[in-house]
Amino acid sequence: GNHFIGKELKSKHALLTSIWRFPPERVNSHPAPFPIALPTRAIYSVMDENNGLIIDPYCGSGTTLVAAKLLGHDFIGIDISEEYIDHAKKRVLNYESENIALLEEVEKHKVSETFSDRKQNGRYTGRFRQSKNSSTTKQIPLKLL
């Protein structure tokens, strides 16, 4: 099968951790707004470079739709509120105004050197690795009582 075990993640996966922290969206009339960094991270990290379709069944103010558009994906937004649909439409029409915030998030995903590169070149590959030539390394015998 097509398994990912043993393959190094791509640079764009750099922020796929268990906990994501974002500052709240401040200029948004929606009762539960989130910053464009959140859908940007999700879409950018998991979508291939090919164009994909992003579906947001509760699109609200359109944050996810704008992120999808800026990242070059097709999108479908659904919401029960005509007010939010209108807001989302206007926001999508003005999507370019949010490009700077999106690019700030995308830049966080770029790593200059992969783990494999560092390992191959004998450079730092982990927090607990010590240099082979380190003079401060000494073994301490363990006594069991």
N, C-alpha and C. Protein backbone atom coordinates (compact mmCIF):
# COMPACT_ATOMS: atom_id res chain seq x y z
N GLY A 1 0.81 -1.18 0.00
CA GLY A 1 0.00 0.00 0.00
C GLY A 1 0.87 1.26 0.00
N ASN A 2 0.20 2.35 0.03
CA ASN A 2 0.84 3.67 0.01
C ASN A 2 0.94 4.18 1.45
N HIS A 3 1.93 3.71 2.20
CA HIS A 3 2.07 4.06 3.60
C HIS A 3 3.06 5.20 3.77
N PHE A 4 2.88 5.99 4.83
CA PHE A 4 3.75 7.11 5.10
C PHE A 4 4.79 6.79 6.18
N ILE A 5 4.76 5.58 6.72
CA ILE A 5 5.70 5.21 7.77
C ILE A 5 7.11 5.24 7.20
N GLY A 6 8.01 5.90 7.91
CA GLY A 6 9.39 5.94 7.50
C GLY A 6 9.72 7.06 6.53
N LYS A 7 8.73 7.79 6.07
CA LYS A 7 8.99 8.91 5.17
C LYS A 7 8.99 10.21 5.95
N GLU A 8 9.91 11.07 5.60
CA GLU A 8 9.99 12.35 6.28
C GLU A 8 8.86 13.26 5.81
N LEU A 9 8.28 13.98 6.75
CA LEU A 9 7.23 14.92 6.40
C LEU A 9 7.82 16.07 5.60
N LYS A 10 6.99 16.70 4.81
CA LYS A 10 7.42 17.84 4.01
C LYS A 10 7.51 19.07 4.90
N SER A 11 8.17 20.08 4.39
CA SER A 11 8.31 21.34 5.10
C SER A 11 6.94 21.90 5.49
N LYS A 12 5.97 21.75 4.61
CA LYS A 12 4.65 22.31 4.87
C LYS A 12 3.94 21.64 6.05
N HIS A 13 4.45 20.52 6.52
CA HIS A 13 3.86 19.83 7.67
C HIS A 13 4.48 20.27 8.99
N ALA A 14 5.34 21.28 8.96
CA ALA A 14 6.13 21.67 10.13
C ALA A 14 5.29 22.01 11.35
N LEU A 15 4.09 22.49 11.16
CA LEU A 15 3.27 22.90 12.31
C LEU A 15 2.13 21.94 12.62
N LEU A 16 2.19 20.74 12.11
CA LEU A 16 1.14 19.77 12.41
C LEU A 16 1.41 19.13 13.77
N THR A 17 1.08 19.84 14.79
CA THR A 17 1.24 19.37 16.16
C THR A 17 -0.13 19.19 16.79
N SER A 18 -0.18 18.73 18.01
CA SER A 18 -1.45 18.45 18.67
C SER A 18 -2.20 19.70 19.10
N ILE A 19 -1.47 20.75 19.43
CA ILE A 19 -2.12 21.96 19.94
C ILE A 19 -1.73 23.14 19.05
N TRP A 20 -2.73 23.89 18.60
CA TRP A 20 -2.50 25.09 17.82
C TRP A 20 -3.00 26.27 18.62
N ARG A 21 -2.19 27.30 18.71
CA ARG A 21 -2.59 28.52 19.43
C ARG A 21 -2.62 29.68 18.45
N PHE A 22 -3.73 30.42 18.45
CA PHE A 22 -3.89 31.57 17.58
C PHE A 22 -4.48 32.71 18.37
N PRO A 23 -4.09 33.93 18.05
CA PRO A 23 -4.77 35.08 18.68
C PRO A 23 -6.18 35.17 18.10
N PRO A 24 -7.13 35.68 18.86
CA PRO A 24 -8.50 35.76 18.35
C PRO A 24 -8.63 36.77 17.21
N GLU A 25 -9.61 36.55 16.37
CA GLU A 25 -9.95 37.51 15.30
C GLU A 25 -10.68 38.66 15.97
N ARG A 26 -10.21 39.86 15.80
CA ARG A 26 -10.79 40.99 16.53
C ARG A 26 -11.78 41.83 15.71
N VAL A 27 -11.56 41.93 14.40
CA VAL A 27 -12.43 42.79 13.60
C VAL A 27 -13.36 41.90 12.78
N ASN A 28 -14.39 41.37 13.44
CA ASN A 28 -15.31 40.47 12.79
C ASN A 28 -16.60 40.43 13.60
N SER A 29 -17.74 40.65 12.95
CA SER A 29 -19.01 40.70 13.66
C SER A 29 -19.59 39.32 13.96
N HIS A 30 -18.99 38.28 13.43
CA HIS A 30 -19.48 36.92 13.68
C HIS A 30 -19.27 36.56 15.15
N PRO A 31 -20.19 35.82 15.78
CA PRO A 31 -20.03 35.50 17.21
C PRO A 31 -18.90 34.51 17.53
N ALA A 32 -18.43 33.76 16.55
CA ALA A 32 -17.35 32.80 16.80
C ALA A 32 -16.28 32.92 15.71
N PRO A 33 -15.65 34.08 15.59
CA PRO A 33 -14.66 34.25 14.52
C PRO A 33 -13.32 33.61 14.88
N PHE A 34 -12.59 33.22 13.86
CA PHE A 34 -11.23 32.72 14.06
C PHE A 34 -10.34 33.38 13.02
N PRO A 35 -9.06 33.51 13.32
CA PRO A 35 -8.15 34.18 12.39
C PRO A 35 -7.90 33.33 11.14
N ILE A 36 -7.51 33.99 10.07
CA ILE A 36 -7.26 33.29 8.80
C ILE A 36 -6.11 32.29 8.92
N ALA A 37 -5.27 32.45 9.93
CA ALA A 37 -4.17 31.51 10.13
C ALA A 37 -4.67 30.09 10.39
N LEU A 38 -5.81 29.94 11.04
CA LEU A 38 -6.32 28.60 11.37
C LEU A 38 -6.68 27.81 10.12
N PRO A 39 -7.59 28.30 9.24
CA PRO A 39 -7.86 27.50 8.04
C PRO A 39 -6.66 27.44 7.09
N THR A 40 -5.83 28.47 7.11
CA THR A 40 -4.62 28.43 6.27
C THR A 40 -3.75 27.26 6.67
N ARG A 41 -3.51 27.09 7.96
CA ARG A 41 -2.67 25.99 8.43
C ARG A 41 -3.28 24.65 8.06
N ALA A 42 -4.57 24.50 8.28
CA ALA A 42 -5.22 23.22 7.98
C ALA A 42 -5.17 22.92 6.48
N ILE A 43 -5.53 23.88 5.65
CA ILE A 43 -5.56 23.66 4.20
C ILE A 43 -4.16 23.47 3.65
N TYR A 44 -3.25 24.35 4.01
CA TYR A 44 -1.88 24.31 3.47
C TYR A 44 -1.18 23.01 3.87
N SER A 45 -1.39 22.56 5.08
CA SER A 45 -0.69 21.39 5.60
C SER A 45 -1.16 20.08 4.98
N VAL A 46 -2.44 19.97 4.70
CA VAL A 46 -2.95 18.66 4.27
C VAL A 46 -3.25 18.56 2.78
N MET A 47 -3.38 19.66 2.10
CA MET A 47 -3.71 19.60 0.67
C MET A 47 -2.43 19.44 -0.15
N ASP A 48 -2.54 18.67 -1.20
CA ASP A 48 -1.43 18.55 -2.14
C ASP A 48 -1.28 19.87 -2.88
N GLU A 49 -0.23 19.97 -3.66
CA GLU A 49 0.00 21.18 -4.43
C GLU A 49 -1.05 21.34 -5.53
N ASN A 50 -1.73 20.25 -5.87
CA ASN A 50 -2.77 20.31 -6.89
C ASN A 50 -3.98 21.05 -6.33
N ASN A 51 -4.77 21.60 -7.23
CA ASN A 51 -5.99 22.28 -6.83
C ASN A 51 -6.95 21.28 -6.21
N GLY A 52 -7.56 21.67 -5.10
CA GLY A 52 -8.52 20.81 -4.43
C GLY A 52 -9.81 21.58 -4.19
N LEU A 53 -10.78 20.92 -3.60
CA LEU A 53 -12.06 21.53 -3.29
C LEU A 53 -12.22 21.59 -1.77
N ILE A 54 -12.38 22.78 -1.24
CA ILE A 54 -12.58 22.98 0.20
C ILE A 54 -14.06 23.26 0.42
N ILE A 55 -14.68 22.50 1.29
CA ILE A 55 -16.11 22.68 1.59
C ILE A 55 -16.23 23.11 3.04
N ASP A 56 -16.88 24.25 3.27
CA ASP A 56 -17.12 24.74 4.62
C ASP A 56 -18.63 24.81 4.82
N PRO A 57 -19.21 23.81 5.52
CA PRO A 57 -20.67 23.76 5.67
C PRO A 57 -21.24 24.80 6.63
N TYR A 58 -20.41 25.49 7.37
CA TYR A 58 -20.83 26.56 8.27
C TYR A 58 -19.89 27.73 8.05
N CYS A 59 -19.96 28.33 6.87
CA CYS A 59 -18.90 29.27 6.46
C CYS A 59 -18.93 30.60 7.19
N GLY A 60 -20.02 30.95 7.83
CA GLY A 60 -20.05 32.19 8.62
C GLY A 60 -19.53 33.38 7.85
N SER A 61 -18.49 34.01 8.36
CA SER A 61 -17.97 35.23 7.74
C SER A 61 -17.02 34.95 6.57
N GLY A 62 -16.76 33.68 6.26
CA GLY A 62 -16.00 33.34 5.06
C GLY A 62 -14.50 33.20 5.22
N THR A 63 -14.00 33.10 6.43
CA THR A 63 -12.56 33.02 6.66
C THR A 63 -11.93 31.84 5.91
N THR A 64 -12.54 30.67 6.01
CA THR A 64 -12.01 29.48 5.36
C THR A 64 -12.05 29.63 3.84
N LEU A 65 -13.09 30.27 3.33
CA LEU A 65 -13.22 30.46 1.89
C LEU A 65 -12.11 31.37 1.36
N VAL A 66 -11.81 32.42 2.10
CA VAL A 66 -10.74 33.34 1.70
C VAL A 66 -9.40 32.61 1.72
N ALA A 67 -9.15 31.81 2.75
CA ALA A 67 -7.90 31.05 2.82
C ALA A 67 -7.79 30.10 1.64
N ALA A 68 -8.89 29.41 1.31
CA ALA A 68 -8.88 28.48 0.18
C ALA A 68 -8.58 29.22 -1.12
N LYS A 69 -9.21 30.34 -1.32
CA LYS A 69 -9.00 31.11 -2.55
C LYS A 69 -7.55 31.59 -2.65
N LEU A 70 -7.01 32.13 -1.56
CA LEU A 70 -5.64 32.61 -1.58
C LEU A 70 -4.62 31.48 -1.80
N LEU A 71 -4.97 30.28 -1.36
CA LEU A 71 -4.07 29.12 -1.54
C LEU A 71 -4.29 28.42 -2.88
N GLY A 72 -5.22 28.94 -3.69
CA GLY A 72 -5.43 28.41 -5.03
C GLY A 72 -6.35 27.21 -5.13
N HIS A 73 -7.24 27.04 -4.16
CA HIS A 73 -8.19 25.93 -4.19
C HIS A 73 -9.59 26.43 -4.50
N ASP A 74 -10.41 25.55 -5.06
CA ASP A 74 -11.82 25.85 -5.24
C ASP A 74 -12.49 25.70 -3.89
N PHE A 75 -13.66 26.30 -3.72
CA PHE A 75 -14.32 26.24 -2.42
C PHE A 75 -15.83 26.33 -2.57
N ILE A 76 -16.51 25.78 -1.58
CA ILE A 76 -17.96 25.89 -1.46
C ILE A 76 -18.24 26.29 -0.02
N GLY A 77 -19.00 27.37 0.16
CA GLY A 77 -19.38 27.81 1.50
C GLY A 77 -20.89 27.71 1.65
N ILE A 78 -21.31 27.20 2.79
CA ILE A 78 -22.74 27.03 3.08
C ILE A 78 -23.02 27.66 4.44
N ASP A 79 -24.10 28.41 4.53
CA ASP A 79 -24.52 28.94 5.82
C ASP A 79 -26.02 29.19 5.78
N ILE A 80 -26.66 29.15 6.93
CA ILE A 80 -28.11 29.35 7.02
C ILE A 80 -28.47 30.84 7.05
N SER A 81 -27.52 31.67 7.43
CA SER A 81 -27.77 33.10 7.60
C SER A 81 -27.45 33.87 6.31
N GLU A 82 -28.45 34.56 5.79
CA GLU A 82 -28.22 35.40 4.60
C GLU A 82 -27.24 36.52 4.92
N GLU A 83 -27.29 37.03 6.13
CA GLU A 83 -26.37 38.10 6.54
C GLU A 83 -24.92 37.63 6.44
N TYR A 84 -24.66 36.43 6.94
CA TYR A 84 -23.29 35.91 6.88
C TYR A 84 -22.89 35.54 5.46
N ILE A 85 -23.82 35.03 4.67
CA ILE A 85 -23.53 34.71 3.27
C ILE A 85 -23.12 35.99 2.53
N ASP A 86 -23.86 37.06 2.76
CA ASP A 86 -23.52 38.34 2.13
C ASP A 86 -22.14 38.82 2.59
N HIS A 87 -21.88 38.71 3.88
CA HIS A 87 -20.59 39.11 4.42
C HIS A 87 -19.46 38.27 3.79
N ALA A 88 -19.68 36.96 3.71
CA ALA A 88 -18.67 36.06 3.14
C ALA A 88 -18.43 36.38 1.67
N LYS A 89 -19.49 36.68 0.92
CA LYS A 89 -19.32 37.04 -0.50
C LYS A 89 -18.45 38.27 -0.65
N LYS A 90 -18.73 39.30 0.17
CA LYS A 90 -17.93 40.53 0.10
C LYS A 90 -16.48 40.25 0.49
N ARG A 91 -16.31 39.43 1.47
CA ARG A 91 -14.96 39.11 1.93
C ARG A 91 -14.17 38.36 0.85
N VAL A 92 -14.83 37.42 0.19
CA VAL A 92 -14.17 36.67 -0.88
C VAL A 92 -13.82 37.59 -2.04
N LEU A 93 -14.69 38.54 -2.35
CA LEU A 93 -14.40 39.49 -3.43
C LEU A 93 -13.16 40.35 -3.10
N ASN A 94 -12.95 40.61 -1.82
CA ASN A 94 -11.81 41.42 -1.38
C ASN A 94 -10.70 40.55 -0.79
N TYR A 95 -10.60 39.32 -1.24
CA TYR A 95 -9.67 38.33 -0.66
C TYR A 95 -8.22 38.80 -0.63
N GLU A 96 -7.80 39.58 -1.62
CA GLU A 96 -6.39 39.97 -1.70
C GLU A 96 -5.94 40.81 -0.50
N SER A 97 -6.89 41.48 0.16
CA SER A 97 -6.55 42.29 1.32
C SER A 97 -6.08 41.45 2.50
N GLU A 98 -6.32 40.15 2.47
CA GLU A 98 -5.94 39.26 3.57
C GLU A 98 -4.71 38.42 3.24
N ASN A 99 -4.09 38.69 2.10
CA ASN A 99 -2.95 37.89 1.66
C ASN A 99 -1.75 37.99 2.60
N ILE A 100 -1.50 39.15 3.17
CA ILE A 100 -0.34 39.30 4.06
C ILE A 100 -0.46 38.39 5.27
N ALA A 101 -1.64 38.36 5.89
CA ALA A 101 -1.85 37.50 7.06
C ALA A 101 -1.69 36.03 6.68
N LEU A 102 -2.17 35.66 5.50
CA LEU A 102 -2.05 34.29 5.05
C LEU A 102 -0.58 33.93 4.82
N LEU A 103 0.15 34.81 4.16
CA LEU A 103 1.57 34.53 3.88
C LEU A 103 2.39 34.43 5.16
N GLU A 104 2.04 35.21 6.19
CA GLU A 104 2.73 35.10 7.47
C GLU A 104 2.60 33.70 8.04
N GLU A 105 1.41 33.11 7.92
CA GLU A 105 1.20 31.74 8.41
C GLU A 105 1.97 30.75 7.55
N VAL A 106 1.90 30.86 6.24
CA VAL A 106 2.58 29.93 5.34
C VAL A 106 4.08 29.94 5.59
N GLU A 107 4.66 31.11 5.84
CA GLU A 107 6.10 31.22 6.08
C GLU A 107 6.54 30.44 7.31
N LYS A 108 5.66 30.30 8.28
CA LYS A 108 6.00 29.55 9.50
C LYS A 108 6.23 28.07 9.21
N HIS A 109 5.75 27.60 8.08
CA HIS A 109 5.86 26.19 7.72
C HIS A 109 7.15 25.85 7.02
N LYS A 110 7.93 26.83 6.65
CA LYS A 110 9.13 26.59 5.87
C LYS A 110 10.30 26.25 6.79
N VAL A 111 10.94 25.12 6.52
CA VAL A 111 12.15 24.76 7.26
C VAL A 111 13.32 24.82 6.29
N SER A 112 14.45 25.32 6.77
CA SER A 112 15.59 25.50 5.88
C SER A 112 16.35 24.20 5.64
N GLU A 113 16.28 23.29 6.59
CA GLU A 113 17.03 22.04 6.47
C GLU A 113 16.22 20.93 7.12
N THR A 114 16.00 19.85 6.42
CA THR A 114 15.21 18.76 6.96
C THR A 114 16.04 17.93 7.94
N PHE A 115 15.37 17.10 8.70
CA PHE A 115 16.04 16.19 9.62
C PHE A 115 17.04 15.32 8.86
N SER A 116 16.61 14.78 7.72
CA SER A 116 17.50 13.93 6.91
C SER A 116 18.74 14.69 6.46
N ASP A 117 18.55 15.95 6.06
CA ASP A 117 19.70 16.77 5.65
C ASP A 117 20.68 16.94 6.80
N ARG A 118 20.15 17.28 7.98
CA ARG A 118 21.02 17.48 9.14
C ARG A 118 21.74 16.19 9.51
N LYS A 119 21.03 15.09 9.49
CA LYS A 119 21.62 13.81 9.85
C LYS A 119 22.72 13.43 8.86
N GLN A 120 22.43 13.60 7.58
CA GLN A 120 23.40 13.25 6.53
C GLN A 120 24.67 14.10 6.65
N ASN A 121 24.52 15.34 7.06
CA ASN A 121 25.67 16.24 7.17
C ASN A 121 26.29 16.26 8.56
N GLY A 122 25.84 15.35 9.45
CA GLY A 122 26.42 15.23 10.78
C GLY A 122 26.10 16.39 11.70
N ARG A 123 25.02 17.09 11.44
CA ARG A 123 24.64 18.21 12.30
C ARG A 123 23.56 17.80 13.28
N TYR A 124 23.27 18.68 14.17
CA TYR A 124 22.29 18.50 15.23
C TYR A 124 20.99 17.87 14.72
N THR A 125 20.60 16.75 15.31
CA THR A 125 19.37 16.09 14.88
C THR A 125 18.41 15.84 16.04
N GLY A 126 18.74 16.30 17.21
CA GLY A 126 17.82 16.09 18.31
C GLY A 126 18.26 16.81 19.55
N ARG A 127 17.34 17.04 20.42
CA ARG A 127 17.58 17.80 21.64
C ARG A 127 18.57 17.09 22.56
N PHE A 128 18.60 15.76 22.57
CA PHE A 128 19.39 15.03 23.53
C PHE A 128 20.68 14.47 22.96
N ARG A 129 20.94 14.72 21.71
CA ARG A 129 22.15 14.20 21.09
C ARG A 129 23.35 15.03 21.53
N GLN A 130 24.41 14.36 21.90
CA GLN A 130 25.63 15.07 22.27
C GLN A 130 26.70 14.78 21.24
N SER A 131 27.58 15.69 21.08
CA SER A 131 28.67 15.56 20.12
C SER A 131 29.57 14.39 20.51
N LYS A 132 30.06 13.67 19.50
CA LYS A 132 30.97 12.55 19.75
C LYS A 132 32.29 13.04 20.34
N ASN A 133 32.67 14.26 20.04
CA ASN A 133 33.94 14.81 20.50
C ASN A 133 33.80 15.64 21.78
N SER A 134 32.66 15.56 22.41
CA SER A 134 32.42 16.39 23.58
C SER A 134 33.29 15.93 24.75
N SER A 135 34.06 16.86 25.31
CA SER A 135 34.94 16.52 26.43
C SER A 135 34.17 16.55 27.76
N THR A 136 32.96 17.09 27.74
CA THR A 136 32.19 17.18 28.98
C THR A 136 31.40 15.90 29.25
N THR A 137 31.41 14.98 28.30
CA THR A 137 30.66 13.75 28.47
C THR A 137 31.47 12.76 29.29
N LYS A 138 30.87 12.31 30.40
CA LYS A 138 31.54 11.26 31.15
C LYS A 138 30.46 10.34 31.72
N GLN A 139 30.83 9.11 31.87
CA GLN A 139 29.87 8.14 32.37
C GLN A 139 29.96 8.06 33.88
N ILE A 140 28.83 7.98 34.50
CA ILE A 140 28.75 7.86 35.95
C ILE A 140 28.17 6.49 36.28
N PRO A 141 28.91 5.69 37.05
CA PRO A 141 28.39 4.35 37.38
C PRO A 141 27.15 4.45 38.26
N LEU A 142 26.22 3.58 38.04
CA LEU A 142 24.97 3.54 38.80
C LEU A 142 25.07 2.43 39.84
N LYS A 143 24.83 2.77 41.09
CA LYS A 143 24.85 1.76 42.15
C LYS A 143 23.42 1.42 42.52
N LEU A 144 23.13 0.15 42.53
CA LEU A 144 21.82 -0.31 42.93
C LEU A 144 21.88 -0.71 44.41
N LEU A 145 20.97 -0.24 45.20
CA LEU A 145 20.96 -0.55 46.63
C LEU A 145 19.98 -1.64 46.95
